[in-house]
Each structure stands twice: as structure tokens, then as C-alpha cells.
Amino acid sequence: MSDMAGWAQADITPPLGLPMGGRGPKNTPGAAVLDPLSAQALLLQDGRGRRVLIVSLDLIGLSRGQGNRLRNELAAAVGIDPQAVVINCAHTHSGPSADADHFIPIAPVSAALADYQQLLCERIVPAAKTAAERLRLVSVTWHEGRSLIAMNRRRRMDDGKVQMRPNPQGLRHPDLWALDIRPAGAGSSGRCLLFCHACHPVIVYGFAYDSISADFPGRARRRLSTGEAIGVGAALMMVVLTAWERDANLLRPRRSQGTLRLLFLDEANRLSQDNLGVLFDLCQNLDLQLMIASPEVARSEGNTTYRLVRRINDSGQEEVIVTGRRVVAKEQSADVGSS
């Protein structure tokens, strides 16, 4: 029996007016929605039929009581032991105070918040059922790499006291893990990418204190799911490249020149100039040869653009003419060869 997996997601964006979590005053009401909050369910089954359900929520957290209730309902919905259910909260600080049960001694849970807590189960459990219904044969690969987006926020000041301030030289956890799950078989479509990195999602409330957002984990998911993961997804690209090079070195004798690494990117016209700039910098830092299929980026400074023209010559034979152009400065370019 082979590995199987199914996945699904549901919208858990709260109504406006609920108290926000992850900040000092617990009564700050949500006044706007910058981007939706999601619940994602992934059901895994190994070759011996053992199952585990992983659920990720765009929430600051859940109280112990809430977590136990949700875990039991999820386990019953997909027919597994509650101990085989993993509930992860992305810990966005720009979502509802879903863990308000922790603060009952300070302030009771409002009726509106209690209704939302019930709504969570009504949205999350069906997503798990859908994941079970979508169970299919898959191939699973595991990747490990590094990401440097996190920042230590404990800094010793001149007076010797430690304050909550950015500390670029402080300790941080650089590890990034990614689980790549792809349907097996020719013609299969869809893909599930599970990634994990220790970094506090506290970006949004620095500029939109009372707005609802999944913060950077939500943006990373959206960029990855649309194929536009250049800025946010750069770390995952590094994971894959590192794995490729490691595997290549294991399968052949060591060579001083290392691995020739090529990255092919289609539909690059959907990328903004900022994203293209990040991509070019990344490839330069990784000593990576990038090949892009898109005429819209032909004028990108510092890169060579090749134009391929297929035609039938006078002898009736098909030929492809390749010309290269490298932009070295604005309004100035140099031909680098043709064949």
C-alpha cells in the first residue's frame, strides 16, 4: 500500500468588531479585513494505513479546552484517534482573540466571540472531511534549508537593561522545513506544500493595528499557490536547490566545479519589477543560471535576453535562430551573439 494524502481549506475570517488577539489591550475591535484568515487540513496515510491529520489555523492560538474539543471533533470526522490530530496555530497577531478562554478571570467571553468560536468548528471540521474524501496516491519529499527573515527582538541597551527591540546580532532559528506532496500518476494535478519556520507573525499590526490579516504566513501561501512566489518564496526555492545539489553530489564523484544549477521560469510576465529584482538578486547570490520564458522582461538590466525564432528556410527545412541581447545600461545594449 502506497502513501496517500488529501487536503482542503476553509475560510475562518471573523466578523468585524470582535476583540483582536496578540496585543496589549484585549478589547481592540477588528475594524477592517486586509486579507482573509484560513483553516487548512492535510490528511496523511502511510503505506500501512496509519493516518495523521494536520490542521493549520490563522489564529493567535486556542485555549486548552477549545483545542481538546476541536481535536475530538476532527478525530471523529475522519475516523482516527485524537492523538493523531495535530492542530497548529500560525499565531498571527492580527486575528480574533480566539483563545479568550485564557482570560476569563480578567474578562468574560462575549456572546459574539463565543459564536465565532462555535463557527470555527463548523468551518474546520467539514474541511477535514473534504480532505479525507480527496485522499489519493501521492509522492512525498522532505526538504530542509535556511531562512533569514526572522529577527531576534531582545536587545541589551546601553544601560544594561534588555528591551523588546530589534537585535540583528541576536540568536534566531534559521531552519526551514518543507514537505512537498504531489499526486502520483501521469496527468495528475494539484500540489500541497507544507512549510515551517520559526518567525513571529507580527508585521501587520505595526502599520494596521486594528486590521485582520494572516500576516506573512498567509501572504506566503497566496504567493506560492499562484506561482508568483519570488520574494516570500525565495527561501523555499533555496531549500529545493540545496536538496538538488546535495542529491547530485551523493550520486556522483566530487568535482571541484560543483553543480551547474539552472532555474526555468515560465509566465514571468505576471511578476512585478520588484519581484523580478528579488529573483535576479537571489540567483546571483546562489550562483544560479536563470532562464525565463517571457518577452515582457526582455529589458531587464544586467541580464541576457535570448530570442528564438522558428522558421522554414529556402530548402524547406525547419530552423531556429537564436539571438542574445544583454542590457548593460539604460538606453544602451550590446549584442552577445547569434546563431
Protein backbone atom coordinates (compact mmCIF):
# COMPACT_ATOMS: atom_id res chain seq x y z
CA MET A 1 0.00 0.00 0.00
CA SER A 2 1.42 3.41 -1.03
CA ASP A 3 1.37 6.82 0.63
CA MET A 4 -1.86 8.78 0.28
CA ALA A 5 -2.90 12.33 1.11
CA GLY A 6 -5.82 14.70 0.82
CA TRP A 7 -6.09 18.38 1.62
CA ALA A 8 -8.67 21.15 1.80
CA GLN A 9 -9.15 24.59 3.32
CA ALA A 10 -11.92 26.80 4.69
CA ASP A 11 -12.39 30.49 5.34
CA ILE A 12 -12.40 31.41 9.05
CA THR A 13 -12.33 35.20 8.69
CA PRO A 14 -14.24 36.62 11.68
CA PRO A 15 -16.91 39.32 11.54
CA LEU A 16 -15.74 42.83 12.31
CA GLY A 17 -15.96 44.07 15.86
CA LEU A 18 -14.53 41.04 17.67
CA PRO A 19 -11.65 41.71 20.08
CA MET A 20 -8.24 41.24 18.48
CA GLY A 21 -5.69 38.83 19.94
CA GLY A 22 -1.95 39.06 20.34
CA ARG A 23 -1.69 42.65 21.56
CA GLY A 24 -1.78 44.56 24.82
CA PRO A 25 -5.37 45.81 25.13
CA LYS A 26 -7.58 42.76 24.67
CA ASN A 27 -10.60 44.83 23.73
CA THR A 28 -9.26 46.33 20.49
CA PRO A 29 -12.03 45.52 17.97
CA GLY A 30 -11.24 44.39 14.45
CA ALA A 31 -12.18 47.26 12.15
CA ALA A 32 -11.12 46.05 8.70
CA VAL A 33 -10.04 42.92 6.81
CA LEU A 34 -6.73 43.23 4.98
CA ASP A 35 -6.74 39.59 3.87
CA PRO A 36 -8.78 36.50 4.81
CA LEU A 37 -7.95 34.01 7.55
CA SER A 38 -7.89 30.33 6.59
CA ALA A 39 -8.07 26.87 8.11
CA GLN A 40 -6.14 24.21 6.20
CA ALA A 41 -6.44 20.47 6.69
CA LEU A 42 -3.99 17.82 5.47
CA LEU A 43 -4.72 14.12 5.98
CA LEU A 44 -1.75 11.78 5.51
CA GLN A 45 -1.87 7.99 5.28
CA ASP A 46 1.26 5.84 5.07
CA GLY A 47 1.77 2.51 3.36
CA ARG A 48 0.46 0.60 6.38
CA GLY A 49 -2.78 2.55 6.54
CA ARG A 50 -1.83 4.73 9.53
CA ARG A 51 -3.29 8.23 9.38
CA VAL A 52 -2.45 11.64 10.83
CA LEU A 53 -4.41 14.85 10.39
CA ILE A 54 -2.58 18.19 10.40
CA VAL A 55 -4.71 21.32 10.74
CA SER A 56 -3.25 24.82 10.46
CA LEU A 57 -5.24 27.86 11.60
CA ASP A 58 -4.66 31.58 11.05
CA LEU A 59 -5.26 32.30 14.73
CA ILE A 60 -3.23 33.59 17.67
CA GLY A 61 -3.99 30.34 19.49
CA LEU A 62 -6.66 28.21 21.13
CA SER A 63 -7.29 27.56 24.79
CA ARG A 64 -6.72 24.03 26.06
CA GLY A 65 -10.45 23.41 26.28
CA GLN A 66 -11.08 24.67 22.75
CA GLY A 67 -8.21 22.64 21.38
CA ASN A 68 -9.41 19.43 23.03
CA ARG A 69 -12.97 19.91 21.76
CA LEU A 70 -11.83 20.63 18.23
CA ARG A 71 -9.37 17.72 18.25
CA ASN A 72 -12.08 15.28 19.31
CA GLU A 73 -14.49 16.50 16.65
CA LEU A 74 -11.82 16.30 13.95
CA ALA A 75 -10.80 12.79 15.00
CA ALA A 76 -14.41 11.60 14.87
CA ALA A 77 -14.93 13.23 11.47
CA VAL A 78 -12.08 11.34 9.77
CA GLY A 79 -12.10 8.19 11.91
CA ILE A 80 -8.76 8.45 13.69
CA ASP A 81 -7.51 8.63 17.27
CA PRO A 82 -7.46 12.17 18.76
CA GLN A 83 -3.73 11.71 19.43
CA ALA A 84 -3.24 11.54 15.64
CA VAL A 85 -4.62 15.07 15.19
CA VAL A 86 -2.11 17.94 15.14
CA ILE A 87 -3.54 21.45 15.46
CA ASN A 88 -1.18 24.30 14.63
CA CYS A 89 -1.96 27.99 15.03
CA ALA A 90 0.10 30.28 12.81
CA HIS A 91 -0.02 32.77 15.72
CA THR A 92 -0.98 35.80 13.70
CA HIS A 93 -1.30 38.82 15.98
CA SER A 94 -3.84 40.35 13.60
CA GLY A 95 -6.70 37.94 14.14
CA PRO A 96 -9.50 37.50 16.68
CA SER A 97 -8.81 36.67 20.29
CA ALA A 98 -9.90 33.06 19.73
CA ASP A 99 -8.00 31.99 22.85
CA ALA A 100 -10.00 34.36 25.07
CA ASP A 101 -10.90 31.49 27.42
CA HIS A 102 -7.43 32.02 28.89
CA PHE A 103 -8.54 35.44 30.12
CA ILE A 104 -11.91 34.58 31.64
CA PRO A 105 -10.66 35.65 35.12
CA ILE A 106 -9.97 39.09 33.59
CA ALA A 107 -12.98 39.48 31.29
CA PRO A 108 -15.74 37.05 30.29
CA VAL A 109 -16.04 35.86 26.69
CA SER A 110 -18.61 37.95 24.82
CA ALA A 111 -21.56 36.31 23.12
CA ALA A 112 -20.23 37.38 19.70
CA LEU A 113 -16.83 35.82 20.38
CA ALA A 114 -18.47 32.64 21.69
CA ASP A 115 -20.47 32.44 18.44
CA TYR A 116 -17.25 32.76 16.45
CA GLN A 117 -15.60 30.00 18.47
CA GLN A 118 -18.51 27.74 17.55
CA LEU A 119 -18.25 28.86 13.93
CA LEU A 120 -14.64 27.71 13.89
CA CYS A 121 -15.68 24.09 14.48
CA GLU A 122 -18.46 24.38 11.91
CA ARG A 123 -15.94 25.54 9.29
CA ILE A 124 -12.86 23.46 10.20
CA VAL A 125 -14.46 20.02 10.64
CA PRO A 126 -16.02 19.98 7.12
CA ALA A 127 -12.62 20.91 5.68
CA ALA A 128 -11.12 17.84 7.36
CA LYS A 129 -13.92 15.68 5.93
CA THR A 130 -13.25 17.07 2.47
CA ALA A 131 -9.54 16.27 2.86
CA ALA A 132 -10.48 12.67 3.70
CA GLU A 133 -12.74 12.47 0.65
CA ARG A 134 -9.87 13.70 -1.55
CA LEU A 135 -7.42 11.07 -0.31
CA ARG A 136 -5.30 9.87 -3.23
CA LEU A 137 -1.92 8.35 -4.07
CA VAL A 138 0.92 10.83 -3.72
CA SER A 139 4.67 11.16 -3.76
CA VAL A 140 6.18 12.89 -0.72
CA THR A 141 9.57 14.59 -0.49
CA TRP A 142 11.11 16.30 2.52
CA HIS A 143 13.39 19.32 2.23
CA GLU A 144 15.41 21.23 4.79
CA GLY A 145 17.05 24.61 4.35
CA ARG A 146 17.56 28.01 5.93
CA SER A 147 15.67 31.29 6.04
CA LEU A 148 16.94 34.57 7.48
CA ILE A 149 13.72 36.56 7.62
CA ALA A 150 13.40 36.21 11.39
CA MET A 151 14.77 38.83 13.77
CA ASN A 152 15.75 38.50 17.42
CA ARG A 153 13.77 41.08 19.41
CA ARG A 154 15.66 41.14 22.71
CA ARG A 155 18.38 43.80 22.77
CA ARG A 156 20.59 44.90 25.60
CA MET A 157 20.59 48.68 25.81
CA ASP A 158 23.43 50.99 26.85
CA ASP A 159 22.20 50.99 30.45
CA GLY A 160 22.45 47.19 30.56
CA LYS A 161 18.71 46.56 30.54
CA VAL A 162 17.16 44.23 27.98
CA GLN A 163 14.27 45.67 26.00
CA MET A 164 12.00 44.38 23.23
CA ARG A 165 13.89 45.92 20.33
CA PRO A 166 15.23 44.53 17.01
CA ASN A 167 18.56 42.79 17.52
CA PRO A 168 20.11 41.68 14.19
CA GLN A 169 23.05 40.11 16.02
CA GLY A 170 20.86 38.11 18.41
CA LEU A 171 20.11 34.41 18.26
CA ARG A 172 17.42 33.17 15.90
CA HIS A 173 16.36 29.84 14.48
CA PRO A 174 17.23 29.72 10.74
CA ASP A 175 15.87 26.26 9.93
CA LEU A 176 13.15 25.97 7.31
CA TRP A 177 11.37 22.70 6.59
CA ALA A 178 9.18 21.92 3.61
CA LEU A 179 7.07 18.86 2.84
CA ASP A 180 6.26 18.63 -0.87
CA ILE A 181 3.24 16.43 -1.63
CA ARG A 182 2.34 15.75 -5.25
CA PRO A 183 -0.33 13.46 -6.73
CA ALA A 184 1.14 10.33 -8.26
CA GLY A 185 0.44 9.21 -11.80
CA ALA A 186 0.52 10.80 -15.22
CA GLY A 187 -1.84 13.70 -15.75
CA SER A 188 -2.38 14.31 -12.03
CA SER A 189 -2.80 17.92 -10.97
CA GLY A 190 -2.68 19.83 -7.70
CA ARG A 191 0.01 20.05 -5.09
CA CYS A 192 0.33 20.56 -1.35
CA LEU A 193 3.34 22.30 0.13
CA LEU A 194 3.73 22.30 3.90
CA PHE A 195 6.39 24.67 5.23
CA CYS A 196 7.53 25.57 8.72
CA HIS A 197 9.77 28.35 10.01
CA ALA A 198 10.09 29.94 13.44
CA CYS A 199 9.24 33.61 12.93
CA HIS A 200 6.67 35.65 14.86
CA PRO A 201 3.84 36.95 12.57
CA VAL A 202 3.78 40.50 13.97
CA ILE A 203 4.29 42.58 10.84
CA VAL A 204 0.79 43.85 10.11
CA TYR A 205 -0.21 45.38 13.40
CA GLY A 206 2.83 47.63 13.19
CA PHE A 207 1.01 49.61 10.48
CA ALA A 208 -2.61 48.41 10.72
CA TYR A 209 -3.20 47.85 14.41
CA ASP A 210 -6.92 47.06 14.21
CA SER A 211 -6.97 45.15 10.90
CA ILE A 212 -7.46 41.42 10.36
CA SER A 213 -4.71 39.60 8.47
CA ALA A 214 -2.96 36.24 8.28
CA ASP A 215 0.30 38.23 8.24
CA PHE A 216 3.31 36.87 6.35
CA PRO A 217 2.30 33.15 6.51
CA GLY A 218 -0.90 33.99 4.65
CA ARG A 219 0.91 36.06 2.07
CA ALA A 220 3.48 33.31 1.58
CA ARG A 221 0.72 30.79 0.94
CA ARG A 222 -1.01 33.03 -1.59
CA ARG A 223 2.18 33.74 -3.47
CA LEU A 224 3.15 30.06 -3.54
CA SER A 225 -0.30 28.96 -4.66
CA THR A 226 -0.38 31.38 -7.60
CA GLY A 227 3.11 30.61 -8.86
CA GLU A 228 4.31 34.12 -8.01
CA ALA A 229 6.42 33.15 -5.00
CA ILE A 230 9.50 35.18 -5.68
CA GLY A 231 10.03 37.46 -2.68
CA VAL A 232 8.32 35.46 0.05
CA GLY A 233 9.04 32.08 -1.55
CA ALA A 234 12.74 32.69 -2.12
CA ALA A 235 13.66 30.68 0.97
CA LEU A 236 11.71 27.67 -0.28
CA MET A 237 13.47 27.95 -3.61
CA MET A 238 16.76 27.77 -1.73
CA VAL A 239 15.55 24.63 0.04
CA VAL A 240 14.83 22.87 -3.25
CA LEU A 241 18.10 23.98 -4.83
CA THR A 242 20.08 22.81 -1.82
CA ALA A 243 18.37 19.43 -1.95
CA TRP A 244 19.05 19.09 -5.67
CA GLU A 245 22.74 19.86 -5.26
CA ARG A 246 23.09 17.58 -2.24
CA ASP A 247 21.46 14.66 -4.06
CA ALA A 248 23.55 15.27 -7.17
CA ASN A 249 26.76 15.19 -5.15
CA LEU A 250 25.72 11.94 -3.47
CA LEU A 251 25.18 10.25 -6.84
CA ARG A 252 28.49 11.19 -8.45
CA PRO A 253 32.15 11.70 -7.52
CA ARG A 254 33.07 15.02 -6.03
CA ARG A 255 34.02 17.66 -8.56
CA SER A 256 35.71 20.94 -7.83
CA GLN A 257 33.45 22.95 -10.10
CA GLY A 258 30.27 21.93 -8.22
CA THR A 259 26.82 21.63 -9.75
CA LEU A 260 25.55 23.56 -12.75
CA ARG A 261 22.20 24.78 -11.47
CA LEU A 262 19.53 26.03 -13.83
CA LEU A 263 16.18 27.51 -12.92
CA PHE A 264 13.46 27.68 -15.59
CA LEU A 265 10.61 30.13 -15.02
CA ASP A 266 7.55 30.42 -17.24
CA GLU A 267 4.91 33.16 -17.28
CA ALA A 268 7.31 35.67 -15.76
CA ASN A 269 5.21 38.49 -17.19
CA ARG A 270 2.97 38.05 -14.09
CA LEU A 271 5.81 39.22 -11.85
CA SER A 272 6.26 42.81 -10.77
CA GLN A 273 9.56 44.60 -11.26
CA ASP A 274 10.22 44.36 -7.52
CA ASN A 275 9.72 40.60 -7.59
CA LEU A 276 11.95 40.27 -10.64
CA GLY A 277 14.65 42.24 -8.84
CA VAL A 278 14.48 39.93 -5.83
CA LEU A 279 14.63 36.91 -8.14
CA PHE A 280 17.69 38.23 -10.01
CA ASP A 281 19.50 39.02 -6.74
CA LEU A 282 18.69 35.58 -5.38
CA CYS A 283 20.04 33.85 -8.48
CA GLN A 284 23.21 35.92 -8.38
CA ASN A 285 23.81 35.14 -4.69
CA LEU A 286 23.20 31.43 -5.29
CA ASP A 287 25.34 31.34 -8.44
CA LEU A 288 22.25 30.15 -10.27
CA GLN A 289 21.62 30.38 -14.01
CA LEU A 290 18.07 31.66 -14.54
CA MET A 291 16.14 31.09 -17.75
CA ILE A 292 12.85 32.97 -18.14
CA ALA A 293 10.21 32.39 -20.81
CA SER A 294 8.62 35.79 -21.20
CA PRO A 295 9.14 38.61 -23.73
CA GLU A 296 7.89 41.24 -21.27
CA VAL A 297 11.11 41.11 -19.21
CA ALA A 298 13.43 41.44 -22.19
CA ARG A 299 14.75 44.81 -20.99
CA SER A 300 15.80 43.68 -17.53
CA GLU A 301 19.10 45.39 -16.80
CA GLY A 302 22.17 43.20 -16.26
CA ASN A 303 20.65 40.07 -17.82
CA THR A 304 20.96 38.43 -21.20
CA THR A 305 17.76 38.02 -23.22
CA TYR A 306 17.62 35.37 -25.93
CA ARG A 307 15.09 35.50 -28.74
CA LEU A 308 14.17 32.28 -30.50
CA VAL A 309 12.57 32.44 -33.94
CA ARG A 310 11.47 29.24 -35.66
CA ARG A 311 11.05 29.33 -39.44
CA ILE A 312 11.22 27.29 -42.62
CA ASN A 313 14.27 28.09 -44.75
CA ASP A 314 14.52 28.15 -48.54
CA SER A 315 15.34 24.43 -48.56
CA GLY A 316 12.11 23.60 -46.78
CA GLN A 317 13.90 22.69 -43.56
CA GLU A 318 12.88 23.99 -40.14
CA GLU A 319 15.48 26.06 -38.33
CA VAL A 320 15.63 28.05 -35.12
CA ILE A 321 17.52 31.33 -35.00
CA VAL A 322 18.72 32.36 -31.54
CA THR A 323 19.85 35.92 -30.83
CA GLY A 324 21.09 37.22 -27.50
CA ARG A 325 20.98 40.74 -26.11
CA ARG A 326 22.40 41.96 -22.82
CA VAL A 327 21.27 45.29 -21.35
CA VAL A 328 24.31 46.95 -19.77
CA ALA A 329 22.83 50.39 -19.09
CA LYS A 330 19.72 52.39 -19.77
CA GLU A 331 19.19 53.10 -23.47
CA GLN A 332 22.33 51.07 -24.24
CA SER A 333 22.61 47.39 -25.12
CA ALA A 334 25.08 45.00 -26.70
CA ASP A 335 24.54 42.00 -28.93
CA VAL A 336 26.19 38.94 -27.38
CA GLY A 337 25.89 36.58 -30.31
CA SER A 338 23.55 34.87 -32.64
CA SER A 339 23.32 31.53 -34.37
